[in-house]
N, C-alpha and C. Protein backbone atom coordinates (compact mmCIF):
# COMPACT_ATOMS: atom_id res chain seq x y z
N MET A 1 114.69 112.94 117.21
CA MET A 1 113.89 112.56 116.21
C MET A 1 113.62 113.84 115.35
N PRO A 2 113.59 113.36 113.77
CA PRO A 2 113.83 114.43 112.75
C PRO A 2 112.52 115.52 112.91
N ARG A 3 112.82 116.51 112.54
CA ARG A 3 111.71 117.52 112.92
C ARG A 3 110.32 117.09 111.92
N ASP A 4 110.57 116.64 111.00
CA ASP A 4 109.43 116.41 109.96
C ASP A 4 108.77 114.91 110.66
N HIS A 5 108.86 114.45 111.89
CA HIS A 5 108.26 113.61 112.29
C HIS A 5 107.58 113.61 113.65
N VAL A 6 107.49 115.24 114.07
CA VAL A 6 106.92 115.97 115.13
C VAL A 6 105.82 116.56 114.77
N PHE A 7 104.89 116.45 114.79
CA PHE A 7 103.60 117.01 114.51
C PHE A 7 102.42 117.75 115.46
N LEU A 8 101.91 119.06 115.27
CA LEU A 8 100.88 119.65 116.51
C LEU A 8 99.51 118.63 115.79
N MET A 9 98.92 118.28 117.08
CA MET A 9 97.38 117.90 117.01
C MET A 9 96.59 118.82 117.59
N LEU A 10 95.43 119.35 117.24
CA LEU A 10 94.74 120.35 117.63
C LEU A 10 93.58 119.15 118.16
N VAL A 11 92.93 119.25 119.63
CA VAL A 11 92.02 118.78 119.61
C VAL A 11 90.76 119.53 120.75
N GLY A 12 89.63 119.24 119.86
CA GLY A 12 88.42 120.03 120.78
C GLY A 12 87.43 119.79 119.65
N GLY A 13 86.42 120.35 120.43
CA GLY A 13 84.63 120.20 119.72
C GLY A 13 84.59 118.84 119.10
N GLY A 14 85.10 117.55 119.71
CA GLY A 14 84.64 116.38 119.14
C GLY A 14 85.58 116.00 117.93
N LEU A 15 86.72 116.77 117.65
CA LEU A 15 87.60 116.46 116.55
C LEU A 15 89.21 116.45 116.94
N ARG A 16 90.08 115.44 116.59
CA ARG A 16 91.54 115.69 116.58
C ARG A 16 92.20 115.91 115.36
N ILE A 17 92.71 116.80 114.99
CA ILE A 17 93.41 117.31 113.86
C ILE A 17 94.90 117.61 113.89
N VAL A 18 95.52 116.52 113.09
CA VAL A 18 96.86 116.66 113.03
C VAL A 18 97.63 117.20 111.76
N HIS A 19 98.41 118.13 111.92
CA HIS A 19 98.91 119.09 111.07
C HIS A 19 100.25 118.43 109.88
N ALA A 20 100.12 118.07 108.76
CA ALA A 20 101.39 117.82 108.15
C ALA A 20 102.14 118.95 108.29
N THR A 21 102.00 120.23 108.23
CA THR A 21 102.51 121.36 107.95
C THR A 21 101.91 122.29 108.87
N LEU A 22 102.56 123.41 108.99
CA LEU A 22 101.92 124.50 109.99
C LEU A 22 102.15 126.14 109.88
N HIS A 23 103.17 126.97 110.29
CA HIS A 23 103.37 128.39 110.26
C HIS A 23 104.28 128.46 109.24
N GLU A 24 103.81 128.47 107.95
CA GLU A 24 104.29 128.82 106.86
C GLU A 24 103.37 129.11 105.82
N ARG A 25 104.14 129.97 104.43
CA ARG A 25 103.21 130.25 103.47
C ARG A 25 102.77 129.33 102.64
N LEU A 26 101.23 129.50 102.36
CA LEU A 26 100.81 128.34 101.65
C LEU A 26 101.48 127.77 100.48
N GLY A 27 101.99 128.59 99.66
CA GLY A 27 102.90 128.00 98.75
C GLY A 27 103.71 127.09 99.08
N ASP A 28 104.67 127.54 100.53
CA ASP A 28 105.79 126.75 100.70
C ASP A 28 105.15 125.48 101.65
N ALA A 29 104.18 125.49 101.88
CA ALA A 29 103.65 124.15 102.81
C ALA A 29 103.26 123.15 101.79
N ILE A 30 102.63 123.87 100.65
CA ILE A 30 102.38 123.02 99.44
C ILE A 30 103.58 122.06 98.76
N ALA A 31 104.42 122.91 98.64
CA ALA A 31 105.56 122.47 97.87
C ALA A 31 106.24 121.39 99.09
N ARG A 32 106.24 121.89 100.30
CA ARG A 32 106.77 120.54 101.03
C ARG A 32 106.11 119.37 101.36
N LEU A 33 105.04 119.43 100.91
CA LEU A 33 104.15 118.19 101.09
C LEU A 33 105.03 117.14 100.41
N THR A 34 104.91 115.68 100.94
CA THR A 34 105.34 114.71 100.30
C THR A 34 104.39 113.47 100.75
N PRO A 35 104.29 112.47 100.27
CA PRO A 35 103.50 111.44 100.55
C PRO A 35 104.19 111.06 102.14
N GLU A 36 105.38 111.08 102.11
CA GLU A 36 106.41 110.32 103.37
C GLU A 36 105.55 111.48 104.47
N LEU A 37 105.67 112.59 104.36
CA LEU A 37 105.63 113.66 105.44
C LEU A 37 103.87 113.64 105.91
N VAL A 38 102.77 113.27 104.69
CA VAL A 38 101.45 113.01 105.26
C VAL A 38 101.30 111.59 105.98
N ALA A 39 102.38 110.66 105.29
CA ALA A 39 101.92 109.35 106.05
C ALA A 39 102.38 109.28 107.37
N ALA A 40 103.55 109.98 107.84
CA ALA A 40 104.48 110.32 109.21
C ALA A 40 103.51 111.24 110.00
N ALA A 41 102.58 111.83 109.54
CA ALA A 41 101.76 112.55 110.38
C ALA A 41 100.60 111.90 110.59
N ALA A 42 99.91 110.63 109.77
CA ALA A 42 98.97 109.89 110.03
C ALA A 42 99.20 108.78 111.20
N SER A 43 100.48 108.74 110.91
CA SER A 43 101.22 107.59 111.61
C SER A 43 101.64 108.07 113.02
N ALA A 44 101.96 109.21 113.25
CA ALA A 44 101.88 109.92 114.49
C ALA A 44 100.65 109.95 115.23
N ALA A 45 99.66 109.99 114.92
CA ALA A 45 98.29 110.60 114.99
C ALA A 45 98.00 109.23 115.55
N ALA A 46 98.19 108.29 114.82
CA ALA A 46 97.50 106.95 114.86
C ALA A 46 98.09 106.30 116.47
N ALA A 47 99.55 106.82 116.18
CA ALA A 47 100.52 106.21 117.41
C ALA A 47 99.60 106.79 118.85
N TYR A 48 99.51 108.32 118.63
CA TYR A 48 99.23 108.76 120.08
C TYR A 48 97.84 108.16 120.39
N LEU A 49 96.94 107.63 119.20
CA LEU A 49 95.60 107.40 119.69
C LEU A 49 95.58 105.99 120.40
N GLU A 50 96.47 105.01 119.61
CA GLU A 50 96.65 103.49 120.21
C GLU A 50 97.30 103.91 121.83
N GLY A 51 98.20 104.86 122.12
CA GLY A 51 98.52 105.09 123.44
C GLY A 51 97.44 105.48 124.23
N ALA A 52 96.51 106.15 123.71
CA ALA A 52 95.44 106.64 124.50
C ALA A 52 94.21 105.78 125.01
N GLY A 53 94.74 104.31 123.74
CA GLY A 53 93.56 103.68 124.09
C GLY A 53 92.57 103.12 123.03
N VAL A 54 92.46 104.02 122.29
CA VAL A 54 91.68 103.88 120.72
C VAL A 54 92.14 102.57 120.01
N VAL A 55 91.64 101.53 119.81
CA VAL A 55 91.91 100.21 119.05
C VAL A 55 92.05 100.57 117.54
N SER A 56 92.77 100.24 116.88
CA SER A 56 92.75 100.49 115.52
C SER A 56 92.04 101.86 115.07
N PRO A 57 92.85 102.86 115.33
CA PRO A 57 92.22 104.23 115.06
C PRO A 57 91.98 104.20 113.69
N ARG A 58 90.96 105.17 112.99
CA ARG A 58 90.59 105.39 111.53
C ARG A 58 91.23 106.81 111.51
N ILE A 59 91.90 107.00 110.32
CA ILE A 59 92.57 108.47 110.39
C ILE A 59 91.67 108.82 108.88
N GLY A 60 91.31 109.86 108.77
CA GLY A 60 90.91 110.41 107.27
C GLY A 60 91.99 111.65 107.07
N VAL A 61 92.40 111.33 105.96
CA VAL A 61 93.23 112.50 105.27
C VAL A 61 92.68 113.54 104.12
N PHE A 62 92.68 114.53 104.59
CA PHE A 62 92.20 115.71 103.31
C PHE A 62 92.75 115.70 102.33
N GLY A 63 92.08 116.33 101.44
CA GLY A 63 92.75 116.55 100.14
C GLY A 63 93.57 117.91 100.41
N ILE A 64 94.27 118.07 99.49
CA ILE A 64 95.13 119.42 99.28
C ILE A 64 94.38 120.72 98.55
N ASN A 65 93.52 120.06 97.43
CA ASN A 65 92.84 121.02 96.79
C ASN A 65 91.42 120.89 96.93
N PRO A 66 90.62 121.74 96.63
CA PRO A 66 89.18 121.29 96.66
C PRO A 66 88.78 120.18 95.85
N HIS A 67 87.82 119.57 96.83
CA HIS A 67 87.32 118.26 96.20
C HIS A 67 88.81 116.69 95.76
N ALA A 68 89.71 117.19 96.45
CA ALA A 68 91.11 116.50 96.44
C ALA A 68 91.24 116.47 95.25
N GLY A 69 91.37 117.42 94.65
CA GLY A 69 91.84 117.51 93.14
C GLY A 69 90.85 117.23 91.88
N GLU A 70 89.82 116.67 92.47
CA GLU A 70 88.61 116.52 91.25
C GLU A 70 89.31 115.74 89.75
N GLY A 71 89.95 114.50 90.21
CA GLY A 71 90.66 114.01 89.13
C GLY A 71 91.62 114.66 88.08
N GLY A 72 92.15 115.97 88.82
CA GLY A 72 92.97 116.69 87.92
C GLY A 72 92.56 118.14 87.40
N LEU A 73 90.92 118.25 87.83
CA LEU A 73 90.67 119.63 87.51
C LEU A 73 90.92 120.98 88.19
N PHE A 74 91.20 120.11 89.29
CA PHE A 74 92.00 121.18 90.33
C PHE A 74 93.69 121.08 90.60
N GLY A 75 94.19 120.32 89.60
CA GLY A 75 95.50 120.67 90.15
C GLY A 75 96.07 118.83 90.32
N ARG A 76 97.04 118.38 90.04
CA ARG A 76 97.64 117.27 90.51
C ARG A 76 98.13 116.70 91.80
N ASP A 77 98.28 117.78 92.54
CA ASP A 77 98.83 117.98 93.86
C ASP A 77 98.32 116.57 94.85
N ASP A 78 97.30 116.12 94.88
CA ASP A 78 96.47 115.03 95.59
C ASP A 78 97.23 114.02 94.84
N ASP A 79 97.45 114.03 93.55
CA ASP A 79 97.59 112.43 92.74
C ASP A 79 98.95 112.39 93.33
N ARG A 80 100.14 113.74 93.35
CA ARG A 80 101.04 113.42 94.04
C ARG A 80 101.56 113.11 95.22
N VAL A 81 100.67 113.70 96.02
CA VAL A 81 100.71 113.61 97.42
C VAL A 81 100.17 112.80 98.17
N THR A 82 98.81 113.06 98.38
CA THR A 82 97.93 112.59 99.37
C THR A 82 97.21 111.31 98.76
N VAL A 83 97.08 110.66 97.96
CA VAL A 83 96.40 109.42 97.06
C VAL A 83 97.75 108.57 97.34
N PRO A 84 99.25 108.85 97.26
CA PRO A 84 99.85 107.60 97.61
C PRO A 84 100.27 107.58 99.01
N ALA A 85 100.01 108.39 99.78
CA ALA A 85 100.14 108.57 101.34
C ALA A 85 99.10 107.64 101.69
N VAL A 86 98.29 107.63 101.44
CA VAL A 86 96.84 107.06 102.02
C VAL A 86 97.20 105.71 101.76
N ALA A 87 97.44 105.17 100.28
CA ALA A 87 98.14 103.92 99.81
C ALA A 87 99.14 103.19 100.71
N ALA A 88 100.24 104.13 101.18
CA ALA A 88 101.17 103.70 101.86
C ALA A 88 100.92 103.19 103.16
N LEU A 89 100.05 104.48 103.82
CA LEU A 89 99.49 104.13 105.07
C LEU A 89 98.38 102.79 105.02
N ARG A 90 97.99 102.22 104.14
CA ARG A 90 97.19 101.18 104.25
C ARG A 90 97.99 99.89 103.85
N GLU A 91 99.29 99.86 103.18
CA GLU A 91 99.84 98.59 103.16
C GLU A 91 100.70 98.47 104.54
N ARG A 92 100.88 99.52 105.28
CA ARG A 92 101.42 99.06 106.60
C ARG A 92 100.49 98.79 107.48
N GLY A 93 99.16 98.74 107.27
CA GLY A 93 98.17 98.28 108.18
C GLY A 93 97.15 99.73 108.83
N THR A 94 97.60 100.78 108.41
CA THR A 94 96.85 101.88 109.33
C THR A 94 95.60 102.27 108.50
N ASP A 95 94.12 102.20 109.32
CA ASP A 95 92.98 102.00 108.47
C ASP A 95 92.98 103.82 108.36
N ALA A 96 93.50 104.16 106.99
CA ALA A 96 93.32 105.52 106.60
C ALA A 96 92.39 105.70 105.43
N ALA A 97 91.58 106.70 105.30
CA ALA A 97 90.41 106.86 104.31
C ALA A 97 91.01 108.14 103.50
N GLY A 98 90.68 108.31 102.38
CA GLY A 98 90.67 109.57 101.64
C GLY A 98 91.96 109.06 100.31
N PRO A 99 91.98 110.39 99.98
CA PRO A 99 91.86 111.82 100.33
C PRO A 99 90.46 111.97 100.07
N LEU A 100 90.02 113.15 100.72
CA LEU A 100 88.69 113.94 100.51
C LEU A 100 88.63 115.29 100.93
N GLY A 101 87.65 116.00 100.40
CA GLY A 101 87.72 117.23 100.94
C GLY A 101 87.42 117.58 102.38
N ALA A 102 88.14 118.31 102.76
CA ALA A 102 87.75 118.39 104.54
C ALA A 102 86.17 118.87 104.66
N ASP A 103 86.03 119.50 103.95
CA ASP A 103 84.25 120.00 103.88
C ASP A 103 83.44 118.30 104.19
N LEU A 104 83.96 117.62 103.19
CA LEU A 104 83.27 116.26 103.00
C LEU A 104 83.45 115.69 104.47
N MET A 105 84.68 115.27 104.60
CA MET A 105 85.16 114.53 105.91
C MET A 105 84.72 115.03 107.26
N LEU A 106 84.48 116.27 107.24
CA LEU A 106 84.20 116.71 108.29
C LEU A 106 82.75 117.53 108.38
N GLY A 107 81.67 116.98 107.68
CA GLY A 107 80.46 116.98 107.35
C GLY A 107 79.82 116.20 108.80
N PRO A 108 78.66 116.60 109.21
CA PRO A 108 78.06 115.83 110.39
C PRO A 108 77.74 114.23 110.20
N ASP A 109 77.77 114.04 108.77
CA ASP A 109 77.20 112.47 108.53
C ASP A 109 78.30 111.56 108.30
N ARG A 110 79.70 112.48 108.40
CA ARG A 110 80.83 111.36 107.95
C ARG A 110 82.04 111.80 109.18
N ARG A 111 81.93 112.56 110.00
CA ARG A 111 82.82 112.98 111.00
C ARG A 111 82.99 112.08 112.13
N SER A 112 81.98 111.32 112.16
CA SER A 112 82.05 110.33 113.54
C SER A 112 82.66 109.03 112.90
N GLU A 113 83.06 108.66 111.27
CA GLU A 113 83.79 107.53 111.25
C GLU A 113 85.02 107.55 111.37
N PHE A 114 85.80 108.59 111.78
CA PHE A 114 87.22 108.67 111.84
C PHE A 114 87.36 109.07 113.37
N ASP A 115 88.80 108.93 113.99
CA ASP A 115 89.04 109.43 115.07
C ASP A 115 90.11 110.35 115.25
N ALA A 116 90.89 110.56 113.92
CA ALA A 116 91.58 111.50 113.54
C ALA A 116 91.53 111.98 112.04
N PHE A 117 91.96 113.13 111.82
CA PHE A 117 92.13 113.70 110.78
C PHE A 117 93.63 113.98 110.26
N VAL A 118 93.97 113.98 108.98
CA VAL A 118 95.24 114.88 108.63
C VAL A 118 94.93 115.93 107.79
N ALA A 119 95.49 117.33 108.46
CA ALA A 119 95.36 118.39 107.74
C ALA A 119 96.48 118.84 106.98
N MET A 120 96.56 119.30 105.72
CA MET A 120 97.68 119.35 105.07
C MET A 120 98.16 121.08 105.34
N TYR A 121 97.53 121.86 105.99
CA TYR A 121 98.31 123.11 105.99
C TYR A 121 97.40 123.56 107.28
N HIS A 122 98.06 125.04 108.17
CA HIS A 122 97.69 125.47 108.87
C HIS A 122 95.91 125.67 109.46
N ASP A 123 95.31 126.39 108.34
CA ASP A 123 94.02 126.90 108.27
C ASP A 123 92.99 125.68 108.35
N GLN A 124 93.45 124.85 107.19
CA GLN A 124 92.51 123.66 107.19
C GLN A 124 92.40 122.99 108.05
N GLY A 125 93.18 122.41 109.48
CA GLY A 125 92.88 122.03 110.47
C GLY A 125 92.76 123.03 111.53
N HIS A 126 93.11 124.11 111.67
CA HIS A 126 92.74 125.06 112.45
C HIS A 126 91.36 125.66 112.63
N VAL A 127 90.93 126.10 111.21
CA VAL A 127 89.52 126.80 111.28
C VAL A 127 88.54 125.68 112.04
N PRO A 128 88.32 124.52 111.58
CA PRO A 128 87.03 123.65 111.98
C PRO A 128 87.33 123.74 113.75
N ILE A 129 88.43 123.21 114.22
CA ILE A 129 88.78 123.18 115.52
C ILE A 129 88.27 124.29 116.33
N LYS A 130 88.67 125.26 115.83
CA LYS A 130 88.45 126.62 116.46
C LYS A 130 86.98 127.06 116.54
N LEU A 131 86.20 127.19 115.37
CA LEU A 131 84.83 127.19 115.45
C LEU A 131 84.29 126.36 116.00
N LEU A 132 84.34 125.01 116.37
CA LEU A 132 83.97 123.60 117.27
C LEU A 132 84.07 124.15 118.52
N ALA A 133 85.60 124.30 119.03
CA ALA A 133 86.06 124.41 120.36
C ALA A 133 86.16 125.75 120.82
N GLY A 134 86.72 127.10 120.18
CA GLY A 134 86.88 128.20 120.57
C GLY A 134 88.26 128.19 121.63
N ARG A 135 88.09 128.78 122.61
CA ARG A 135 89.09 129.04 123.38
C ARG A 135 89.69 127.41 124.28
N THR A 136 88.73 126.55 124.11
CA THR A 136 89.16 125.34 124.83
C THR A 136 89.43 124.34 123.98
N ALA A 137 89.94 124.72 122.76
CA ALA A 137 91.06 123.61 121.96
C ALA A 137 92.14 123.64 122.54
N SER A 138 92.76 122.07 122.74
CA SER A 138 94.38 121.99 123.18
C SER A 138 95.01 121.79 122.13
N ALA A 139 96.08 121.96 122.14
CA ALA A 139 97.33 121.59 121.42
C ALA A 139 98.18 120.53 121.74
N LEU A 140 98.61 119.14 121.10
CA LEU A 140 99.64 118.42 121.52
C LEU A 140 100.65 117.97 120.63
N THR A 141 101.80 117.83 120.84
CA THR A 141 102.58 117.35 119.81
C THR A 141 102.90 115.99 119.98
N VAL A 142 102.65 115.43 118.78
CA VAL A 142 102.54 113.96 118.71
C VAL A 142 103.85 113.35 117.42
N GLY A 143 104.42 112.02 117.90
CA GLY A 143 105.43 111.40 116.90
C GLY A 143 106.56 111.95 117.57
N ALA A 144 107.19 112.32 118.79
CA ALA A 144 107.99 112.87 119.48
C ALA A 144 108.82 112.05 120.47
N GLY A 145 107.51 110.95 121.06
CA GLY A 145 107.99 109.92 121.75
C GLY A 145 107.50 110.46 123.21
N LEU A 146 107.03 111.40 123.39
CA LEU A 146 106.49 112.37 124.50
C LEU A 146 105.73 113.37 124.39
N ILE A 147 104.57 113.30 125.18
CA ILE A 147 103.14 114.03 124.66
C ILE A 147 103.30 115.31 125.30
N PHE A 148 103.40 116.30 124.34
CA PHE A 148 103.57 117.69 125.29
C PHE A 148 102.05 118.39 124.96
N SER A 149 101.25 119.17 125.86
CA SER A 149 100.10 119.56 125.62
C SER A 149 100.05 121.32 126.17
N SER A 150 99.35 122.02 125.36
CA SER A 150 99.10 123.48 125.91
C SER A 150 97.87 123.83 125.21
N VAL A 151 97.59 124.95 125.53
CA VAL A 151 96.09 125.59 124.69
C VAL A 151 96.37 125.39 123.75
N GLY A 152 95.19 125.77 122.71
CA GLY A 152 95.38 125.85 121.48
C GLY A 152 95.47 127.11 120.75
N HIS A 153 95.81 128.27 121.59
CA HIS A 153 95.63 129.64 121.40
C HIS A 153 96.68 129.95 121.62
N GLY A 154 96.89 131.50 121.42
CA GLY A 154 97.96 131.97 121.80
C GLY A 154 97.98 131.91 123.41
N ALA A 155 99.03 132.88 124.05
CA ALA A 155 99.37 133.04 125.26
C ALA A 155 98.78 133.91 126.41
N ALA A 156 97.88 134.74 125.47
CA ALA A 156 97.31 135.85 126.21
C ALA A 156 97.90 136.94 126.87
N PHE A 157 99.22 137.37 126.28
CA PHE A 157 100.19 138.10 127.42
C PHE A 157 99.34 139.59 127.14
N ASP A 158 98.19 139.80 126.66
CA ASP A 158 97.49 141.09 126.67
C ASP A 158 96.85 141.09 127.92
N ILE A 159 96.40 140.17 128.57
CA ILE A 159 95.53 140.14 129.66
C ILE A 159 96.36 139.49 130.84
N ALA A 160 97.61 139.09 130.61
CA ALA A 160 98.33 138.51 131.98
C ALA A 160 98.33 139.48 132.93
N GLY A 161 98.36 138.42 134.20
CA GLY A 161 98.40 139.93 135.35
C GLY A 161 97.07 140.20 135.85
N ARG A 162 96.12 140.37 134.84
CA ARG A 162 95.17 141.16 135.11
C ARG A 162 93.84 140.19 135.90
N GLY A 163 93.96 138.98 135.94
CA GLY A 163 93.09 138.03 136.89
C GLY A 163 91.82 137.77 135.82
N VAL A 164 91.72 137.94 134.78
CA VAL A 164 90.59 137.84 133.86
C VAL A 164 90.88 136.78 132.98
N ALA A 165 92.06 136.08 132.74
CA ALA A 165 92.01 134.70 132.12
C ALA A 165 91.05 133.68 132.33
N ASP A 166 90.44 132.94 131.30
CA ASP A 166 89.37 131.86 131.70
C ASP A 166 90.54 130.54 131.67
N PRO A 167 90.56 129.89 132.77
CA PRO A 167 91.37 128.82 132.83
C PRO A 167 90.97 127.45 132.14
N ASP A 168 89.91 127.54 131.70
CA ASP A 168 89.16 126.33 130.91
C ASP A 168 90.15 125.72 129.82
N ALA A 169 90.71 126.45 128.98
CA ALA A 169 91.78 125.62 128.00
C ALA A 169 93.14 125.21 128.60
N VAL A 170 93.69 125.75 129.43
CA VAL A 170 94.58 125.12 130.70
C VAL A 170 94.07 123.70 130.91
N LEU A 171 92.95 123.95 131.83
CA LEU A 171 92.28 122.54 132.18
C LEU A 171 91.98 121.30 131.23
N CYS A 172 91.75 121.85 130.13
CA CYS A 172 91.46 120.86 129.09
C CYS A 172 92.67 120.21 128.65
N ALA A 173 93.64 120.96 128.26
CA ALA A 173 95.02 120.73 127.87
C ALA A 173 95.87 119.62 129.08
N VAL A 174 95.72 119.99 130.38
CA VAL A 174 96.18 118.89 131.32
C VAL A 174 95.43 117.63 131.40
N ARG A 175 94.18 117.94 131.29
CA ARG A 175 93.39 116.77 131.13
C ARG A 175 93.61 115.66 130.01
N LEU A 176 94.09 116.05 128.81
CA LEU A 176 94.25 115.83 127.45
C LEU A 176 95.67 114.95 127.77
N VAL A 177 96.58 115.04 128.48
CA VAL A 177 97.65 114.80 128.66
C VAL A 177 97.68 113.55 129.50
N GLY A 178 96.79 113.67 130.62
CA GLY A 178 96.67 112.63 131.48
C GLY A 178 95.30 111.46 131.24
N GLY A 179 94.93 111.68 129.69
CA GLY A 179 94.26 110.60 129.22
C GLY A 179 92.61 110.85 129.58
N ARG A 180 92.63 112.05 130.29
CA ARG A 180 90.62 112.09 130.75
C ARG A 180 90.58 113.26 130.17
N HIS A 181 90.38 113.72 128.62
CA HIS A 181 90.31 114.82 128.09
C HIS A 181 88.73 114.85 128.19
N VAL A 182 88.00 115.95 128.68
CA VAL A 182 86.94 116.24 128.85
C VAL A 182 86.24 117.48 127.89
N GLU A 183 85.45 117.35 127.18
CA GLU A 183 84.77 118.43 126.52
C GLU A 183 84.66 119.90 127.34
N VAL A 184 84.75 120.62 127.14
CA VAL A 184 84.13 121.88 127.79
C VAL A 184 83.04 122.44 126.97
N PRO A 185 81.37 122.57 127.51
CA PRO A 185 80.94 123.31 126.80
C PRO A 185 80.99 124.38 126.13
N ALA A 186 80.63 124.81 124.96
CA ALA A 186 80.84 125.90 124.53
C ALA A 186 79.80 126.94 125.10
């Protein structure tokens, strides 16, 4: 499986967000974005959701720049990347919408319209999940042909062996792989 076809999806707080790019400098992430990469992330998310029993998953694609570029006012990155990615997804039969600003798509009046979202870079996807789910967020790899899940945060080496770790995040990750994801109250 090519590296650019395996993606991180964070799950928690009622959201599923797959990341087109991850741990890299923002300028490098934006330079690496292509319509093909964004479409591959959306397709991996849709395939995971279908495997989990979601019929015809609806995927929301975040814009790269504020307001998805605002018709060029904030750059042409979205014209170059996210607009053609969404068009290609629709041509292939994926129910995709966007690009739109993440703030609009994740707003309380729009969030429930989508089964998953595609974030263009690390913080765009991590911040909403971690705000809503905190330490109970789960991380999935999607697109590799098998599902791997872990907690959506670090390994907590600073408290290892002290008997103070909260098991809720690990339990959520295990349930997620088993297809029985249960939200843990905040």
